[in-house]
Protein backbone atom coordinates (compact mmCIF):
# COMPACT_ATOMS: atom_id res chain seq x y z
CA UNK A 1 0.00 0.00 0.00
CA UNK A 2 1.25 3.40 -0.91
CA UNK A 3 0.74 6.75 0.68
CA UNK A 4 -2.20 7.53 -1.62
CA UNK A 5 -3.97 4.27 -0.69
CA UNK A 6 -3.44 4.92 3.02
CA UNK A 7 -4.83 8.45 2.62
CA UNK A 8 -7.91 7.15 0.76
CA UNK A 9 -8.50 4.56 3.48
CA UNK A 10 -8.18 7.28 6.13
CA UNK A 11 -10.74 9.45 4.30
CA UNK A 12 -13.12 6.49 4.04
CA UNK A 13 -12.75 5.82 7.76
CA UNK A 14 -13.45 9.49 8.52
CA UNK A 15 -16.59 9.40 6.39
CA UNK A 16 -17.75 6.26 8.18
CA UNK A 17 -17.26 7.83 11.62
CA UNK A 18 -19.13 10.97 10.55
CA UNK A 19 -21.98 8.92 9.10
CA UNK A 20 -22.59 6.99 12.35
CA UNK A 21 -22.08 9.93 14.73
CA UNK A 22 -24.95 12.02 16.03
CA UNK A 23 -25.54 15.23 17.95
CA UNK A 24 -26.26 14.46 21.60
CA UNK A 25 -29.46 15.64 23.23
CA UNK A 26 -29.18 18.41 25.78
CA UNK A 27 -29.85 15.91 28.59
CA UNK A 28 -27.07 13.62 27.37
CA UNK A 29 -24.69 16.57 26.96
CA UNK A 30 -25.44 17.86 30.48
CA UNK A 31 -24.89 14.42 31.98
CA UNK A 32 -21.57 14.02 30.14
CA UNK A 33 -20.42 17.50 31.14
CA UNK A 34 -21.24 16.86 34.81
CA UNK A 35 -19.35 13.56 34.78
CA UNK A 36 -16.33 15.16 33.12
CA UNK A 37 -16.27 18.01 35.64
CA UNK A 38 -16.54 15.57 38.55
CA UNK A 39 -13.70 13.51 37.06
CA UNK A 40 -11.47 16.56 36.66
CA UNK A 41 -12.17 17.66 40.23
CA UNK A 42 -11.42 14.18 41.59
CA UNK A 43 -8.14 14.00 39.67
CA UNK A 44 -7.16 17.45 40.95
CA UNK A 45 -7.99 16.44 44.52
CA UNK A 46 -5.99 13.24 44.13
CA UNK A 47 -3.02 15.18 42.76
CA UNK A 48 -3.23 17.67 45.62
CA UNK A 49 -3.33 14.87 48.19
CA UNK A 50 -0.30 13.19 46.61
CA UNK A 51 1.55 16.53 46.67
CA UNK A 52 0.70 16.99 50.35
CA UNK A 53 1.89 13.49 51.24
CA UNK A 54 5.13 13.87 49.26
CA UNK A 55 5.71 17.31 50.77
CA UNK A 56 5.25 15.91 54.25
CA UNK A 57 7.56 12.95 53.55
CA UNK A 58 10.34 15.07 52.03
CA UNK A 59 10.36 18.05 54.40
CA UNK A 60 8.74 16.58 57.50
CA UNK A 61 6.22 19.41 57.51
CA UNK A 62 3.65 20.95 55.20
CA UNK A 63 5.84 23.89 54.29
CA UNK A 64 5.38 23.53 50.51
CA UNK A 65 1.68 24.27 50.69
PDB file of N, CA and C in Angstrom:
ATOM      1  N   UNK A   1       0.825  -1.182   0.000  1.00  0.00           N
ATOM      2  CA  UNK A   1       0.000   0.000   0.000  1.00  0.00           C
ATOM      3  C   UNK A   1       0.869   1.244   0.000  1.00  0.00           C
ATOM      4  N   UNK A   2       0.514   2.155  -0.843  1.00  0.00           N
ATOM      5  CA  UNK A   2       1.250   3.404  -0.912  1.00  0.00           C
ATOM      6  C   UNK A   2       0.619   4.472  -0.045  1.00  0.00           C
ATOM      7  N   UNK A   3       1.219   5.620  -0.106  1.00  0.00           N
ATOM      8  CA  UNK A   3       0.739   6.751   0.684  1.00  0.00           C
ATOM      9  C   UNK A   3      -0.662   7.159   0.226  1.00  0.00           C
ATOM     10  N   UNK A   4      -0.896   7.137  -1.070  1.00  0.00           N
ATOM     11  CA  UNK A   4      -2.204   7.528  -1.615  1.00  0.00           C
ATOM     12  C   UNK A   4      -3.282   6.563  -1.129  1.00  0.00           C
ATOM     13  N   UNK A   5      -2.989   5.266  -1.148  1.00  0.00           N
ATOM     14  CA  UNK A   5      -3.968   4.271  -0.690  1.00  0.00           C
ATOM     15  C   UNK A   5      -4.270   4.440   0.801  1.00  0.00           C
ATOM     16  N   UNK A   6      -3.234   4.696   1.580  1.00  0.00           N
ATOM     17  CA  UNK A   6      -3.440   4.924   3.020  1.00  0.00           C
ATOM     18  C   UNK A   6      -4.293   6.160   3.262  1.00  0.00           C
ATOM     19  N   UNK A   7      -4.055   7.224   2.482  1.00  0.00           N
ATOM     20  CA  UNK A   7      -4.829   8.447   2.625  1.00  0.00           C
ATOM     21  C   UNK A   7      -6.294   8.214   2.247  1.00  0.00           C
ATOM     22  N   UNK A   8      -6.537   7.456   1.168  1.00  0.00           N
ATOM     23  CA  UNK A   8      -7.912   7.146   0.764  1.00  0.00           C
ATOM     24  C   UNK A   8      -8.624   6.317   1.829  1.00  0.00           C
ATOM     25  N   UNK A   9      -7.913   5.373   2.422  1.00  0.00           N
ATOM     26  CA  UNK A   9      -8.498   4.558   3.478  1.00  0.00           C
ATOM     27  C   UNK A   9      -8.828   5.430   4.693  1.00  0.00           C
ATOM     28  N   UNK A  10      -7.930   6.356   5.020  1.00  0.00           N
ATOM     29  CA  UNK A  10      -8.176   7.279   6.129  1.00  0.00           C
ATOM     30  C   UNK A  10      -9.426   8.118   5.865  1.00  0.00           C
ATOM     31  N   UNK A  11      -9.567   8.640   4.657  1.00  0.00           N
ATOM     32  CA  UNK A  11     -10.736   9.453   4.300  1.00  0.00           C
ATOM     33  C   UNK A  11     -12.006   8.615   4.395  1.00  0.00           C
ATOM     34  N   UNK A  12     -11.961   7.365   3.934  1.00  0.00           N
ATOM     35  CA  UNK A  12     -13.121   6.486   4.035  1.00  0.00           C
ATOM     36  C   UNK A  12     -13.491   6.228   5.494  1.00  0.00           C
ATOM     37  N   UNK A  13     -12.494   6.029   6.330  1.00  0.00           N
ATOM     38  CA  UNK A  13     -12.754   5.818   7.756  1.00  0.00           C
ATOM     39  C   UNK A  13     -13.369   7.062   8.388  1.00  0.00           C
ATOM     40  N   UNK A  14     -12.880   8.239   8.005  1.00  0.00           N
ATOM     41  CA  UNK A  14     -13.446   9.493   8.523  1.00  0.00           C
ATOM     42  C   UNK A  14     -14.901   9.640   8.109  1.00  0.00           C
ATOM     43  N   UNK A  15     -15.208   9.325   6.861  1.00  0.00           N
ATOM     44  CA  UNK A  15     -16.591   9.402   6.392  1.00  0.00           C
ATOM     45  C   UNK A  15     -17.480   8.442   7.167  1.00  0.00           C
ATOM     46  N   UNK A  16     -16.973   7.245   7.424  1.00  0.00           N
ATOM     47  CA  UNK A  16     -17.748   6.261   8.177  1.00  0.00           C
ATOM     48  C   UNK A  16     -18.049   6.761   9.587  1.00  0.00           C
ATOM     49  N   UNK A  17     -17.050   7.309  10.263  1.00  0.00           N
ATOM     50  CA  UNK A  17     -17.255   7.831  11.616  1.00  0.00           C
ATOM     51  C   UNK A  17     -18.279   8.958  11.599  1.00  0.00           C
ATOM     52  N   UNK A  18     -18.174   9.856  10.634  1.00  0.00           N
ATOM     53  CA  UNK A  18     -19.127  10.968  10.550  1.00  0.00           C
ATOM     54  C   UNK A  18     -20.539  10.490  10.231  1.00  0.00           C
ATOM     55  N   UNK A  19     -20.645   9.407   9.463  1.00  0.00           N
ATOM     56  CA  UNK A  19     -21.980   8.925   9.101  1.00  0.00           C
ATOM     57  C   UNK A  19     -22.685   8.253  10.273  1.00  0.00           C
ATOM     58  N   UNK A  20     -21.941   7.667  11.228  1.00  0.00           N
ATOM     59  CA  UNK A  20     -22.591   6.994  12.350  1.00  0.00           C
ATOM     60  C   UNK A  20     -22.659   7.869  13.598  1.00  0.00           C
ATOM     61  N   UNK A  21     -22.043   9.049  13.566  1.00  0.00           N
ATOM     62  CA  UNK A  21     -22.081   9.934  14.733  1.00  0.00           C
ATOM     63  C   UNK A  21     -23.382  10.733  14.732  1.00  0.00           C
ATOM     64  N   UNK A  22     -23.727  11.246  15.905  1.00  0.00           N
ATOM     65  CA  UNK A  22     -24.951  12.025  16.030  1.00  0.00           C
ATOM     66  C   UNK A  22     -24.741  13.137  17.049  1.00  0.00           C
ATOM     67  N   UNK A  23     -25.601  14.114  16.995  1.00  0.00           N
ATOM     68  CA  UNK A  23     -25.542  15.226  17.945  1.00  0.00           C
ATOM     69  C   UNK A  23     -26.265  14.795  19.221  1.00  0.00           C
ATOM     70  N   UNK A  24     -25.609  14.903  20.366  1.00  0.00           N
ATOM     71  CA  UNK A  24     -26.260  14.459  21.600  1.00  0.00           C
ATOM     72  C   UNK A  24     -27.402  15.394  21.998  1.00  0.00           C
ATOM     73  N   UNK A  25     -28.366  14.818  22.702  1.00  0.00           N
ATOM     74  CA  UNK A  25     -29.457  15.643  23.227  1.00  0.00           C
ATOM     75  C   UNK A  25     -28.902  16.509  24.351  1.00  0.00           C
ATOM     76  N   UNK A  26     -29.665  17.516  24.720  1.00  0.00           N
ATOM     77  CA  UNK A  26     -29.183  18.411  25.780  1.00  0.00           C
ATOM     78  C   UNK A  26     -29.049  17.664  27.099  1.00  0.00           C
ATOM     79  N   UNK A  27     -29.933  16.710  27.366  1.00  0.00           N
ATOM     80  CA  UNK A  27     -29.851  15.913  28.589  1.00  0.00           C
ATOM     81  C   UNK A  27     -28.573  15.063  28.598  1.00  0.00           C
ATOM     82  N   UNK A  28     -28.285  14.441  27.473  1.00  0.00           N
ATOM     83  CA  UNK A  28     -27.073  13.621  27.366  1.00  0.00           C
ATOM     84  C   UNK A  28     -25.814  14.490  27.487  1.00  0.00           C
ATOM     85  N   UNK A  29     -25.833  15.656  26.881  1.00  0.00           N
ATOM     86  CA  UNK A  29     -24.695  16.565  26.961  1.00  0.00           C
ATOM     87  C   UNK A  29     -24.472  17.033  28.397  1.00  0.00           C
ATOM     88  N   UNK A  30     -25.557  17.407  29.086  1.00  0.00           N
ATOM     89  CA  UNK A  30     -25.443  17.857  30.475  1.00  0.00           C
ATOM     90  C   UNK A  30     -24.882  16.764  31.371  1.00  0.00           C
ATOM     91  N   UNK A  31     -25.366  15.541  31.171  1.00  0.00           N
ATOM     92  CA  UNK A  31     -24.888  14.425  31.982  1.00  0.00           C
ATOM     93  C   UNK A  31     -23.396  14.174  31.728  1.00  0.00           C
ATOM     94  N   UNK A  32     -22.985  14.216  30.474  1.00  0.00           N
ATOM     95  CA  UNK A  32     -21.571  14.024  30.141  1.00  0.00           C
ATOM     96  C   UNK A  32     -20.715  15.136  30.715  1.00  0.00           C
ATOM     97  N   UNK A  33     -21.184  16.372  30.617  1.00  0.00           N
ATOM     98  CA  UNK A  33     -20.421  17.505  31.136  1.00  0.00           C
ATOM     99  C   UNK A  33     -20.258  17.401  32.650  1.00  0.00           C
ATOM    100  N   UNK A  34     -21.319  17.014  33.354  1.00  0.00           N
ATOM    101  CA  UNK A  34     -21.235  16.861  34.807  1.00  0.00           C
ATOM    102  C   UNK A  34     -20.236  15.779  35.188  1.00  0.00           C
ATOM    103  N   UNK A  35     -20.279  14.650  34.485  1.00  0.00           N
ATOM    104  CA  UNK A  35     -19.347  13.563  34.781  1.00  0.00           C
ATOM    105  C   UNK A  35     -17.902  13.965  34.502  1.00  0.00           C
ATOM    106  N   UNK A  36     -17.682  14.709  33.448  1.00  0.00           N
ATOM    107  CA  UNK A  36     -16.327  15.160  33.119  1.00  0.00           C
ATOM    108  C   UNK A  36     -15.828  16.133  34.178  1.00  0.00           C
ATOM    109  N   UNK A  37     -16.672  17.057  34.608  1.00  0.00           N
ATOM    110  CA  UNK A  37     -16.270  18.015  35.637  1.00  0.00           C
ATOM    111  C   UNK A  37     -15.960  17.301  36.949  1.00  0.00           C
ATOM    112  N   UNK A  38     -16.800  16.335  37.325  1.00  0.00           N
ATOM    113  CA  UNK A  38     -16.541  15.566  38.549  1.00  0.00           C
ATOM    114  C   UNK A  38     -15.219  14.817  38.431  1.00  0.00           C
ATOM    115  N   UNK A  39     -14.955  14.224  37.267  1.00  0.00           N
ATOM    116  CA  UNK A  39     -13.697  13.512  37.063  1.00  0.00           C
ATOM    117  C   UNK A  39     -12.488  14.425  37.171  1.00  0.00           C
ATOM    118  N   UNK A  40     -12.577  15.604  36.590  1.00  0.00           N
ATOM    119  CA  UNK A  40     -11.468  16.562  36.662  1.00  0.00           C
ATOM    120  C   UNK A  40     -11.234  16.998  38.096  1.00  0.00           C
ATOM    121  N   UNK A  41     -12.305  17.259  38.833  1.00  0.00           N
ATOM    122  CA  UNK A  41     -12.169  17.660  40.233  1.00  0.00           C
ATOM    123  C   UNK A  41     -11.552  16.539  41.076  1.00  0.00           C
ATOM    124  N   UNK A  42     -11.979  15.305  40.840  1.00  0.00           N
ATOM    125  CA  UNK A  42     -11.420  14.176  41.587  1.00  0.00           C
ATOM    126  C   UNK A  42      -9.935  13.988  41.280  1.00  0.00           C
ATOM    127  N   UNK A  43      -9.555  14.135  40.028  1.00  0.00           N
ATOM    128  CA  UNK A  43      -8.143  14.002  39.666  1.00  0.00           C
ATOM    129  C   UNK A  43      -7.324  15.127  40.286  1.00  0.00           C
ATOM    130  N   UNK A  44      -7.859  16.336  40.318  1.00  0.00           N
ATOM    131  CA  UNK A  44      -7.163  17.451  40.955  1.00  0.00           C
ATOM    132  C   UNK A  44      -7.006  17.225  42.444  1.00  0.00           C
ATOM    133  N   UNK A  45      -8.055  16.736  43.092  1.00  0.00           N
ATOM    134  CA  UNK A  45      -7.992  16.442  44.523  1.00  0.00           C
ATOM    135  C   UNK A  45      -6.976  15.342  44.805  1.00  0.00           C
ATOM    136  N   UNK A  46      -6.970  14.326  43.972  1.00  0.00           N
ATOM    137  CA  UNK A  46      -5.994  13.245  44.131  1.00  0.00           C
ATOM    138  C   UNK A  46      -4.569  13.771  43.958  1.00  0.00           C
ATOM    139  N   UNK A  47      -4.339  14.592  42.964  1.00  0.00           N
ATOM    140  CA  UNK A  47      -3.017  15.185  42.761  1.00  0.00           C
ATOM    141  C   UNK A  47      -2.592  16.055  43.918  1.00  0.00           C
ATOM    142  N   UNK A  48      -3.529  16.821  44.466  1.00  0.00           N
ATOM    143  CA  UNK A  48      -3.227  17.667  45.618  1.00  0.00           C
ATOM    144  C   UNK A  48      -2.865  16.811  46.829  1.00  0.00           C
ATOM    145  N   UNK A  49      -3.615  15.747  47.050  1.00  0.00           N
ATOM    146  CA  UNK A  49      -3.333  14.873  48.192  1.00  0.00           C
ATOM    147  C   UNK A  49      -1.965  14.207  48.045  1.00  0.00           C
ATOM    148  N   UNK A  50      -1.620  13.783  46.842  1.00  0.00           N
ATOM    149  CA  UNK A  50      -0.298  13.194  46.612  1.00  0.00           C
ATOM    150  C   UNK A  50       0.785  14.233  46.870  1.00  0.00           C
ATOM    151  N   UNK A  51       0.574  15.466  46.427  1.00  0.00           N
ATOM    152  CA  UNK A  51       1.548  16.532  46.666  1.00  0.00           C
ATOM    153  C   UNK A  51       1.716  16.795  48.155  1.00  0.00           C
ATOM    154  N   UNK A  52       0.627  16.777  48.905  1.00  0.00           N
ATOM    155  CA  UNK A  52       0.696  16.993  50.352  1.00  0.00           C
ATOM    156  C   UNK A  52       1.491  15.871  51.012  1.00  0.00           C
ATOM    157  N   UNK A  53       1.192  14.630  50.641  1.00  0.00           N
ATOM    158  CA  UNK A  53       1.894  13.490  51.237  1.00  0.00           C
ATOM    159  C   UNK A  53       3.379  13.538  50.901  1.00  0.00           C
ATOM    160  N   UNK A  54       3.716  13.800  49.652  1.00  0.00           N
ATOM    161  CA  UNK A  54       5.128  13.865  49.258  1.00  0.00           C
ATOM    162  C   UNK A  54       5.819  15.032  49.960  1.00  0.00           C
ATOM    163  N   UNK A  55       5.142  16.163  50.062  1.00  0.00           N
ATOM    164  CA  UNK A  55       5.710  17.313  50.765  1.00  0.00           C
ATOM    165  C   UNK A  55       5.993  16.965  52.217  1.00  0.00           C
ATOM    166  N   UNK A  56       5.075  16.281  52.847  1.00  0.00           N
ATOM    167  CA  UNK A  56       5.255  15.906  54.250  1.00  0.00           C
ATOM    168  C   UNK A  56       6.387  14.894  54.417  1.00  0.00           C
ATOM    169  N   UNK A  57       6.498  13.957  53.477  1.00  0.00           N
ATOM    170  CA  UNK A  57       7.557  12.949  53.550  1.00  0.00           C
ATOM    171  C   UNK A  57       8.930  13.592  53.348  1.00  0.00           C
ATOM    172  N   UNK A  58       9.048  14.481  52.371  1.00  0.00           N
ATOM    173  CA  UNK A  58      10.342  15.073  52.034  1.00  0.00           C
ATOM    174  C   UNK A  58      10.796  16.072  53.093  1.00  0.00           C
ATOM    175  N   UNK A  59       9.936  16.972  53.494  1.00  0.00           N
ATOM    176  CA  UNK A  59      10.355  18.047  54.400  1.00  0.00           C
ATOM    177  C   UNK A  59      10.024  17.773  55.865  1.00  0.00           C
ATOM    178  N   UNK A  60       9.139  16.853  56.124  1.00  0.00           N
ATOM    179  CA  UNK A  60       8.739  16.583  57.500  1.00  0.00           C
ATOM    180  C   UNK A  60       7.688  17.547  57.999  1.00  0.00           C
ATOM    181  N   UNK A  61       7.306  18.484  57.151  1.00  0.00           N
ATOM    182  CA  UNK A  61       6.225  19.414  57.513  1.00  0.00           C
ATOM    183  C   UNK A  61       5.472  19.763  56.242  1.00  0.00           C
ATOM    184  N   UNK A  62       4.448  20.550  56.367  1.00  0.00           N
ATOM    185  CA  UNK A  62       3.654  20.947  55.199  1.00  0.00           C
ATOM    186  C   UNK A  62       4.062  22.321  54.714  1.00  0.00           C
ATOM    187  N   UNK A  63       5.353  22.563  54.623  1.00  0.00           N
ATOM    188  CA  UNK A  63       5.842  23.890  54.285  1.00  0.00           C
ATOM    189  C   UNK A  63       5.690  24.233  52.810  1.00  0.00           C
ATOM    190  N   UNK A  64       5.496  23.251  51.941  1.00  0.00           N
ATOM    191  CA  UNK A  64       5.378  23.534  50.510  1.00  0.00           C
ATOM    192  C   UNK A  64       3.992  23.994  50.123  1.00  0.00           C
ATOM    193  N   UNK A  65       3.059  23.907  51.034  1.00  0.00           N
ATOM    194  CA  UNK A  65       1.676  24.271  50.694  1.00  0.00           C
ATOM    195  C   UNK A  65       1.430  25.718  51.022  1.00  0.00           C
TER     196      UNK A  65
END
